[in-house]
Amino acid sequence: MAEYLKTGWPQRVERQQEVIDTVSRILSEVEREGLPAIRRWSVQLDGWDPQSFVVPADEIKAAVVDEELAEQLEFARSQVEGFARAQRATMTDLEIETMPGVVLGHRHVPIAKVGSYSPGGRYPLIASSIMTVTVPKVAGVDTVVAVAPPRDGRGIYGPQLFTMNLAGADVIVCLGGVQAFAALAFGVEEVEPVDLVVGAGNAYVAEAKRQLFGRVGIDLLAGPTEVAVIADESADPRLVAADLLGQAEHGFNSPALLITTSQDFGTAVIAEVERWLAGDWPTVEVAGGAWREHGTVVVCSSREEVVEISDSYAPEHLEIQTSQDDWYAEHLRNYGSLFIGPEATVAFSDKSIGTNHVLPTGRAGRYTGGLWVGKFLKTVTYQRLTTDGARTIAPSTAAIADAELMFGHALTARLRME
């Protein structure tokens, strides 16, 4: 029976009516009024009222970073691009003759226009542009519209703007939050509406994506970021504590979970977390607040119980630091992305290793994976028949259609039998 040394992982967060109503109002006004509504909400929420929300080419060109950062950003971009290209290579078109005269197939067709949102807020997430611009371009998307909020009333944060351009954005727009997603869905200035929107954000952004789904496609509905670590006595408690706090710095509502088979190890990690927070942890206010409210430590009686507990949480990021890493990797089922071994920290994936950091939260790992190159491709089927092939298929089609009282369907099948 599992024992909780510390509890805090939140239950499912309920949608707040104020958020729902505010998002609905903004989206409705933008759909009805267009640019004037976008401008009004941009001024009200961000104090941002430029001549044009579309960032001009000369401003994009003027966005520079120091040489070292530029090299590291290019390294990260190349890793993400390389992995996306390898993933794309696994997705082959198919054509098969299932019986004489009946040919079936599928093709992977890129989405035409994608909107990529990179959050600002407490942290201007530069890496998000790499994840959500580079990957659709690898997929073959014609137009990627990159969007980010203004920072300090001076437009997009310089390194963020530089990275959007580096990643291959076709158009860059400076807008934040709900009004940004409204602009992507309904169009703004010369930018036409997109077909799919991707990218993380706060509760208002998540609600905007929820309400826009259907008009446009979305990647997923992401909540506060999550980290879980499965570790035993073979792991370094100080390193595990650091990995828990590292992800917790995202926000006060970011849960961190340790699952272990050793009570002594669980107690040691709790002590190491407190040492980090009392010492030189760089984001102590946020990470400490998140740990106090949403940190959880579970002690399990067996490795099978560890898997059961972990799969029930379905964490966004799941690290394994045990003497039996391969066994756990084989048996775990529900997670956004898996980090195997003590050297595989979440931060690598968040920034530059090549896998995508847009991942399912709130137990969505039970039924979906994260963003990847396949999300930007539509797998569409086709059929090609000869006369003999049609005569082979028609009788079953007509019989089923008759049984369903769909006599028009039956008629179109029988016409192929003549």
Protein backbone atom coordinates (compact mmCIF):
# COMPACT_ATOMS: atom_id res chain seq x y z
CA MET A 1 0.00 0.00 0.00
CA ALA A 2 1.46 3.36 -1.04
CA GLU A 3 2.40 5.80 1.71
CA TYR A 4 2.42 9.55 1.10
CA LEU A 5 5.24 11.38 2.89
CA LYS A 6 4.00 14.63 1.35
CA THR A 7 0.89 15.41 -0.66
CA GLY A 8 0.08 18.31 -2.93
CA TRP A 9 -0.37 17.19 -6.54
CA PRO A 10 -3.56 19.02 -7.50
CA GLN A 11 -6.80 17.41 -8.46
CA ARG A 12 -8.28 18.30 -11.83
CA VAL A 13 -8.52 22.08 -12.12
CA GLU A 14 -12.04 23.24 -12.79
CA ARG A 15 -12.64 25.87 -15.44
CA GLN A 16 -13.41 29.21 -13.81
CA GLN A 17 -16.52 30.98 -15.00
CA GLU A 18 -14.77 34.35 -15.10
CA VAL A 19 -12.13 32.94 -17.45
CA ILE A 20 -14.77 31.31 -19.65
CA ASP A 21 -16.83 34.50 -19.88
CA THR A 22 -13.86 36.81 -20.55
CA VAL A 23 -12.50 34.58 -23.30
CA SER A 24 -15.93 34.23 -24.88
CA ARG A 25 -16.39 38.00 -24.89
CA ILE A 26 -13.00 38.67 -26.49
CA LEU A 27 -13.47 36.02 -29.18
CA SER A 28 -17.00 37.18 -29.98
CA GLU A 29 -15.94 40.81 -30.29
CA VAL A 30 -12.98 39.97 -32.52
CA GLU A 31 -15.12 37.75 -34.74
CA ARG A 32 -17.72 40.51 -35.05
CA GLU A 33 -15.50 43.61 -35.29
CA GLY A 34 -12.11 42.35 -36.42
CA LEU A 35 -9.08 44.62 -36.01
CA PRO A 36 -10.75 47.32 -33.85
CA ALA A 37 -11.59 44.72 -31.21
CA ILE A 38 -8.10 43.23 -31.34
CA ARG A 39 -6.61 46.68 -30.88
CA ARG A 40 -8.98 47.54 -28.03
CA TRP A 41 -8.15 44.38 -26.08
CA SER A 42 -4.44 44.70 -26.80
CA VAL A 43 -4.44 48.19 -25.30
CA GLN A 44 -6.53 47.13 -22.33
CA LEU A 45 -4.58 43.97 -21.45
CA ASP A 46 -1.06 44.70 -22.66
CA GLY A 47 -0.89 48.47 -23.18
CA TRP A 48 0.16 47.67 -26.75
CA ASP A 49 -1.10 49.86 -29.63
CA PRO A 50 1.37 49.76 -32.54
CA GLN A 51 0.67 51.08 -36.01
CA SER A 52 0.64 47.47 -37.18
CA PHE A 53 0.61 44.25 -35.16
CA VAL A 54 2.55 42.53 -37.93
CA VAL A 55 6.25 42.95 -37.19
CA PRO A 56 7.96 44.62 -40.18
CA ALA A 57 10.92 43.00 -41.91
CA ASP A 58 13.40 45.67 -40.84
CA GLU A 59 12.49 45.18 -37.17
CA ILE A 60 12.89 41.42 -37.52
CA LYS A 61 16.29 41.89 -39.17
CA ALA A 62 17.35 44.25 -36.39
CA ALA A 63 16.70 41.64 -33.69
CA VAL A 64 20.12 40.27 -32.80
CA VAL A 65 21.63 38.32 -29.93
CA ASP A 66 25.22 37.83 -28.89
CA GLU A 67 27.29 35.37 -30.89
CA GLU A 68 27.37 32.66 -28.23
CA LEU A 69 23.59 32.63 -27.76
CA ALA A 70 23.09 32.65 -31.52
CA GLU A 71 25.27 29.56 -31.82
CA GLN A 72 23.41 27.76 -29.04
CA LEU A 73 20.02 28.67 -30.52
CA GLU A 74 21.13 27.31 -33.88
CA PHE A 75 22.31 24.13 -32.15
CA ALA A 76 18.90 23.70 -30.52
CA ARG A 77 17.08 24.47 -33.75
CA SER A 78 19.17 21.93 -35.66
CA GLN A 79 18.49 19.24 -33.04
CA VAL A 80 14.74 19.83 -33.17
CA GLU A 81 14.78 19.92 -36.96
CA GLY A 82 16.87 16.76 -37.20
CA PHE A 83 14.59 14.76 -34.92
CA ALA A 84 11.48 16.06 -36.70
CA ARG A 85 12.95 15.02 -40.06
CA ALA A 86 13.69 11.55 -38.68
CA GLN A 87 10.12 11.29 -37.40
CA ARG A 88 8.76 12.46 -40.76
CA ALA A 89 10.77 9.76 -42.52
CA THR A 90 8.85 7.09 -40.59
CA MET A 91 5.54 8.35 -42.02
CA THR A 92 5.35 6.80 -45.45
CA ASP A 93 2.52 6.99 -47.94
CA LEU A 94 0.66 3.73 -48.57
CA GLU A 95 -0.96 2.13 -51.60
CA ILE A 96 -2.17 -1.46 -51.62
CA GLU A 97 -4.36 -3.56 -53.90
CA THR A 98 -6.64 -5.30 -51.41
CA MET A 99 -8.25 -7.45 -54.10
CA PRO A 100 -8.20 -7.44 -57.90
CA GLY A 101 -9.32 -4.05 -59.13
CA VAL A 102 -9.51 -2.42 -55.68
CA VAL A 103 -6.66 -0.09 -54.74
CA LEU A 104 -6.62 1.72 -51.36
CA GLY A 105 -4.08 4.16 -50.05
CA HIS A 106 -3.24 7.07 -47.83
CA ARG A 107 -1.11 10.19 -48.14
CA HIS A 108 0.35 12.48 -45.49
CA VAL A 109 -0.63 16.00 -46.56
CA PRO A 110 0.76 19.08 -44.73
CA ILE A 111 -1.65 21.56 -43.18
CA ALA A 112 -1.60 24.81 -45.15
CA LYS A 113 -1.42 27.50 -42.42
CA VAL A 114 -0.36 27.17 -38.79
CA GLY A 115 -0.31 29.69 -35.96
CA SER A 116 2.52 29.33 -33.43
CA TYR A 117 2.18 31.07 -30.06
CA SER A 118 5.19 31.58 -27.80
CA PRO A 119 4.34 32.71 -24.24
CA GLY A 120 5.77 35.78 -22.56
CA GLY A 121 4.66 36.30 -18.98
CA ARG A 122 7.18 35.65 -16.22
CA TYR A 123 9.50 33.88 -18.65
CA PRO A 124 9.75 34.74 -22.37
CA LEU A 125 9.99 31.17 -23.66
CA ILE A 126 12.46 31.39 -26.51
CA ALA A 127 12.58 27.62 -26.97
CA SER A 128 8.84 27.50 -27.69
CA SER A 129 9.45 29.20 -31.02
CA ILE A 130 11.91 26.49 -31.99
CA MET A 131 9.43 23.75 -31.05
CA THR A 132 6.38 25.27 -32.73
CA VAL A 133 7.89 26.93 -35.81
CA THR A 134 10.69 24.61 -36.88
CA VAL A 135 8.61 21.43 -36.68
CA PRO A 136 5.69 22.55 -38.89
CA LYS A 137 8.18 23.83 -41.46
CA VAL A 138 9.78 20.36 -41.51
CA ALA A 139 6.29 18.91 -42.04
CA GLY A 140 5.90 21.08 -45.15
CA VAL A 141 3.43 23.67 -43.82
CA ASP A 142 3.17 26.54 -46.31
CA THR A 143 2.74 29.40 -43.85
CA VAL A 144 3.67 29.54 -40.17
CA VAL A 145 2.49 32.68 -38.37
CA ALA A 146 4.55 33.15 -35.21
CA VAL A 147 2.98 35.20 -32.43
CA ALA A 148 4.29 36.44 -29.08
CA PRO A 149 3.15 39.14 -26.65
CA PRO A 150 4.84 42.52 -26.21
CA ARG A 151 7.29 42.82 -23.33
CA ASP A 152 7.54 46.02 -21.31
CA GLY A 153 5.61 47.89 -23.99
CA ARG A 154 8.44 47.53 -26.51
CA GLY A 155 7.31 44.76 -28.79
CA ILE A 156 8.43 41.14 -28.80
CA TYR A 157 11.35 40.30 -26.53
CA GLY A 158 14.46 40.59 -28.70
CA PRO A 159 15.84 37.04 -28.34
CA GLN A 160 12.34 35.67 -28.89
CA LEU A 161 11.95 37.66 -32.10
CA PHE A 162 15.40 36.55 -33.26
CA THR A 163 14.50 32.90 -32.61
CA MET A 164 11.17 33.09 -34.42
CA ASN A 165 13.00 34.29 -37.50
CA LEU A 166 15.77 31.70 -37.08
CA ALA A 167 13.18 28.92 -36.79
CA GLY A 168 11.64 29.89 -40.13
CA ALA A 169 8.50 31.88 -39.35
CA ASP A 170 6.86 33.28 -42.48
CA VAL A 171 5.01 36.05 -40.63
CA ILE A 172 5.55 37.40 -37.11
CA VAL A 173 2.79 39.13 -35.14
CA CYS A 174 3.11 40.92 -31.81
CA LEU A 175 0.00 40.13 -29.77
CA GLY A 176 -0.59 38.45 -26.44
CA GLY A 177 -3.02 36.00 -24.91
CA VAL A 178 -6.59 35.54 -26.07
CA GLN A 179 -6.47 38.35 -28.62
CA ALA A 180 -3.47 36.63 -30.24
CA PHE A 181 -5.40 33.39 -30.73
CA ALA A 182 -8.41 35.36 -31.94
CA ALA A 183 -6.21 37.05 -34.53
CA LEU A 184 -4.85 33.68 -35.67
CA ALA A 185 -8.31 32.15 -35.95
CA PHE A 186 -10.12 35.08 -37.56
CA GLY A 187 -7.24 36.86 -39.29
CA VAL A 188 -5.66 40.23 -38.62
CA GLU A 189 -4.57 42.92 -41.06
CA GLU A 190 -3.07 41.10 -44.08
CA VAL A 191 -2.69 37.81 -42.17
CA GLU A 192 -5.30 35.27 -43.20
CA PRO A 193 -6.90 32.88 -40.69
CA VAL A 194 -4.83 29.80 -39.95
CA ASP A 195 -5.98 26.18 -39.90
CA LEU A 196 -4.23 25.02 -36.71
CA VAL A 197 -2.97 26.83 -33.60
CA VAL A 198 -0.26 25.49 -31.32
CA GLY A 199 1.59 26.67 -28.26
CA ALA A 200 1.21 26.95 -24.50
CA GLY A 201 -0.05 29.74 -22.28
CA ASN A 202 -2.03 30.54 -19.16
CA ALA A 203 -5.60 29.57 -18.24
CA TYR A 204 -7.02 32.21 -20.61
CA VAL A 205 -4.97 30.85 -23.51
CA ALA A 206 -6.08 27.29 -22.77
CA GLU A 207 -9.71 28.41 -22.66
CA ALA A 208 -9.32 30.34 -25.92
CA LYS A 209 -8.04 27.18 -27.61
CA ARG A 210 -10.92 25.20 -26.15
CA GLN A 211 -13.51 27.66 -27.46
CA LEU A 212 -11.83 27.99 -30.87
CA PHE A 213 -11.51 24.24 -31.43
CA GLY A 214 -13.61 23.33 -34.44
CA ARG A 215 -13.08 26.63 -36.19
CA VAL A 216 -9.38 25.77 -36.07
CA GLY A 217 -7.47 22.71 -34.96
CA ILE A 218 -5.42 22.83 -31.77
CA ASP A 219 -2.41 20.89 -30.50
CA LEU A 220 -3.70 20.12 -27.00
CA LEU A 221 -5.14 21.79 -23.91
CA ALA A 222 -2.15 22.22 -21.63
CA GLY A 223 -2.41 23.19 -17.97
CA PRO A 224 0.35 23.88 -15.44
CA THR A 225 3.54 22.01 -16.28
CA GLU A 226 4.26 18.81 -14.33
CA VAL A 227 7.29 16.72 -13.41
CA ALA A 228 7.50 13.30 -11.78
CA VAL A 229 10.59 11.33 -10.85
CA ILE A 230 10.73 7.59 -10.19
CA ALA A 231 13.86 6.96 -8.12
CA ASP A 232 15.34 4.46 -5.68
CA GLU A 233 18.36 4.23 -3.36
CA SER A 234 20.71 4.10 -6.35
CA ALA A 235 19.83 7.70 -7.25
CA ASP A 236 21.39 10.90 -5.93
CA PRO A 237 18.79 12.61 -3.69
CA ARG A 238 20.34 16.03 -4.28
CA LEU A 239 20.06 15.62 -8.06
CA VAL A 240 16.48 14.35 -7.81
CA ALA A 241 15.57 17.30 -5.59
CA ALA A 242 17.08 19.70 -8.12
CA ASP A 243 15.11 18.15 -10.99
CA LEU A 244 11.87 18.47 -9.02
CA LEU A 245 12.53 22.14 -8.26
CA GLY A 246 13.81 22.86 -11.76
CA GLN A 247 10.44 22.21 -13.32
CA ALA A 248 8.54 23.71 -10.38
CA GLU A 249 10.02 27.13 -11.18
CA HIS A 250 7.54 27.44 -14.06
CA GLY A 251 4.85 28.67 -11.68
CA PHE A 252 3.26 28.48 -8.26
CA ASN A 253 0.77 25.90 -9.56
CA SER A 254 3.34 23.52 -11.08
CA PRO A 255 3.21 20.11 -9.34
CA ALA A 256 6.29 17.97 -8.67
CA LEU A 257 6.07 14.28 -7.74
CA LEU A 258 8.57 11.76 -6.41
CA ILE A 259 7.65 8.07 -6.51
CA THR A 260 10.07 5.74 -4.72
CA THR A 261 10.29 2.29 -3.15
CA SER A 262 12.39 3.59 -0.25
CA GLN A 263 11.05 5.64 2.63
CA ASP A 264 14.59 6.66 3.58
CA PHE A 265 15.23 7.91 0.05
CA GLY A 266 11.96 9.84 0.01
CA THR A 267 12.84 11.49 3.30
CA ALA A 268 16.31 12.31 1.99
CA VAL A 269 14.92 14.00 -1.12
CA ILE A 270 12.55 16.13 0.97
CA ALA A 271 15.53 17.21 3.07
CA GLU A 272 17.56 18.04 -0.05
CA VAL A 273 14.71 20.13 -1.45
CA GLU A 274 14.68 22.15 1.75
CA ARG A 275 18.46 22.56 1.59
CA TRP A 276 18.21 23.87 -1.97
CA LEU A 277 15.45 26.31 -0.98
CA ALA A 278 17.32 27.50 2.10
CA GLY A 279 20.51 27.88 0.10
CA ASP A 280 21.20 29.19 -3.37
CA TRP A 281 18.26 27.99 -5.46
CA PRO A 282 17.91 30.78 -8.07
CA THR A 283 14.10 30.91 -8.31
CA VAL A 284 13.31 30.13 -4.70
CA GLU A 285 10.11 32.16 -4.43
CA VAL A 286 8.32 30.45 -7.32
CA ALA A 287 9.84 26.97 -7.05
CA GLY A 288 9.51 26.96 -3.26
CA GLY A 289 5.90 28.04 -3.43
CA ALA A 290 5.09 25.36 -5.98
CA TRP A 291 6.83 22.68 -3.89
CA ARG A 292 5.09 23.68 -0.68
CA GLU A 293 1.64 23.65 -2.28
CA HIS A 294 2.01 20.96 -4.95
CA GLY A 295 5.00 18.80 -4.06
CA THR A 296 4.19 15.11 -3.49
CA VAL A 297 6.32 12.19 -2.28
CA VAL A 298 4.94 8.65 -2.52
CA VAL A 299 6.56 5.51 -1.13
CA CYS A 300 5.47 2.28 -2.86
CA SER A 301 5.87 -1.33 -1.75
CA SER A 302 6.95 -2.68 -5.14
CA ARG A 303 8.03 -1.60 -8.59
CA GLU A 304 4.64 -2.75 -9.92
CA GLU A 305 2.93 -0.35 -7.52
CA VAL A 306 5.28 2.40 -8.69
CA VAL A 307 4.09 1.86 -12.27
CA GLU A 308 0.45 1.79 -11.16
CA ILE A 309 0.79 5.06 -9.24
CA SER A 310 2.74 6.77 -12.01
CA ASP A 311 0.30 5.72 -14.71
CA SER A 312 -2.59 7.03 -12.61
CA TYR A 313 -0.96 10.48 -12.48
CA ALA A 314 0.08 10.34 -16.17
CA PRO A 315 2.65 13.12 -15.64
CA GLU A 316 3.76 15.45 -18.40
CA HIS A 317 7.47 14.82 -17.77
CA LEU A 318 8.57 11.54 -16.19
CA GLU A 319 12.16 10.86 -15.13
CA ILE A 320 13.47 7.41 -14.18
CA GLN A 321 16.54 7.26 -11.93
CA THR A 322 16.72 3.69 -10.64
CA SER A 323 18.82 0.53 -10.78
CA GLN A 324 16.14 -0.95 -13.07
CA ASP A 325 15.55 1.85 -15.59
CA ASP A 326 14.94 -0.47 -18.53
CA TRP A 327 12.25 -2.43 -16.67
CA TYR A 328 10.38 0.76 -15.80
CA ALA A 329 10.72 2.14 -19.33
CA GLU A 330 9.21 -1.07 -20.69
CA HIS A 331 6.25 -1.16 -18.29
CA LEU A 332 5.24 2.51 -17.94
CA ARG A 333 2.39 3.58 -20.20
CA ASN A 334 1.03 7.03 -19.34
CA TYR A 335 3.31 10.08 -19.66
CA GLY A 336 4.05 12.97 -22.00
CA SER A 337 7.78 12.31 -22.39
CA LEU A 338 10.12 9.87 -20.66
CA PHE A 339 13.62 10.69 -19.35
CA ILE A 340 15.64 7.53 -18.74
CA GLY A 341 18.65 7.62 -16.44
CA PRO A 342 20.13 10.29 -14.15
CA GLU A 343 21.70 12.27 -17.01
CA ALA A 344 18.38 12.79 -18.82
CA THR A 345 16.94 15.88 -17.15
CA VAL A 346 13.71 17.57 -18.26
CA ALA A 347 15.54 20.82 -18.98
CA PHE A 348 17.37 19.21 -21.91
CA SER A 349 14.10 18.41 -23.63
CA ASP A 350 12.55 21.74 -22.67
CA LYS A 351 15.28 23.64 -24.50
CA SER A 352 17.51 21.90 -26.98
CA ILE A 353 17.83 18.11 -27.14
CA GLY A 354 15.44 17.71 -30.09
CA THR A 355 12.22 16.22 -28.72
CA ASN A 356 9.26 18.60 -28.49
CA HIS A 357 8.41 20.28 -25.21
CA VAL A 358 4.70 20.82 -25.95
CA LEU A 359 3.30 17.89 -23.96
CA PRO A 360 0.03 16.71 -22.39
CA THR A 361 -0.78 17.71 -18.80
CA GLY A 362 -3.70 17.12 -16.44
CA ARG A 363 -3.65 13.32 -17.01
CA ALA A 364 -4.07 13.77 -20.77
CA GLY A 365 -1.05 11.50 -21.17
CA ARG A 366 -3.54 8.65 -20.76
CA TYR A 367 -4.81 9.23 -24.30
CA THR A 368 -2.41 11.44 -26.25
CA GLY A 369 1.25 12.15 -26.77
CA GLY A 370 2.82 15.55 -27.28
CA LEU A 371 3.38 17.79 -30.27
CA TRP A 372 5.37 16.21 -33.09
CA VAL A 373 5.82 16.51 -36.83
CA GLY A 374 2.81 14.25 -37.47
CA LYS A 375 0.48 16.81 -35.87
CA PHE A 376 1.06 19.09 -38.85
CA LEU A 377 0.15 16.39 -41.37
CA LYS A 378 -3.27 15.10 -42.34
CA THR A 379 -3.36 11.40 -43.16
CA VAL A 380 -5.97 11.22 -45.92
CA THR A 381 -7.17 8.10 -47.67
CA TYR A 382 -8.16 7.39 -51.27
CA GLN A 383 -9.70 4.57 -53.33
CA ARG A 384 -9.25 3.59 -56.98
CA LEU A 385 -11.37 0.84 -58.57
CA THR A 386 -11.72 -0.94 -61.87
CA THR A 387 -15.11 -2.08 -63.16
CA ASP A 388 -14.47 -5.60 -61.89
CA GLY A 389 -13.35 -4.24 -58.53
CA ALA A 390 -16.52 -2.18 -58.17
CA ARG A 391 -18.68 -5.23 -58.96
CA THR A 392 -16.90 -7.12 -56.19
CA ILE A 393 -17.55 -4.44 -53.56
CA ALA A 394 -21.07 -3.39 -54.64
CA PRO A 395 -23.14 -6.32 -53.28
CA SER A 396 -21.98 -5.94 -49.66
CA THR A 397 -22.40 -2.18 -49.85
CA ALA A 398 -25.92 -2.45 -51.24
CA ALA A 399 -26.98 -5.05 -48.68
CA ILE A 400 -25.67 -3.02 -45.73
CA ALA A 401 -27.24 0.19 -47.09
CA ASP A 402 -30.61 -1.52 -47.51
CA ALA A 403 -30.45 -2.76 -43.91
CA GLU A 404 -29.76 0.79 -42.77
CA LEU A 405 -32.72 2.07 -44.85
CA MET A 406 -30.26 4.18 -46.88
CA PHE A 407 -31.75 3.22 -50.24
CA GLY A 408 -29.96 5.98 -52.15
CA HIS A 409 -26.62 4.56 -51.05
CA ALA A 410 -27.77 1.12 -52.17
CA LEU A 411 -28.80 2.51 -55.55
CA THR A 412 -25.36 4.07 -56.18
CA ALA A 413 -23.74 0.72 -55.40
CA ARG A 414 -26.07 -1.29 -57.66
CA LEU A 415 -25.47 1.07 -60.56
CA ARG A 416 -21.85 -0.23 -60.47
CA MET A 417 -23.13 -3.78 -60.79
CA GLU A 418 -24.81 -3.23 -64.14
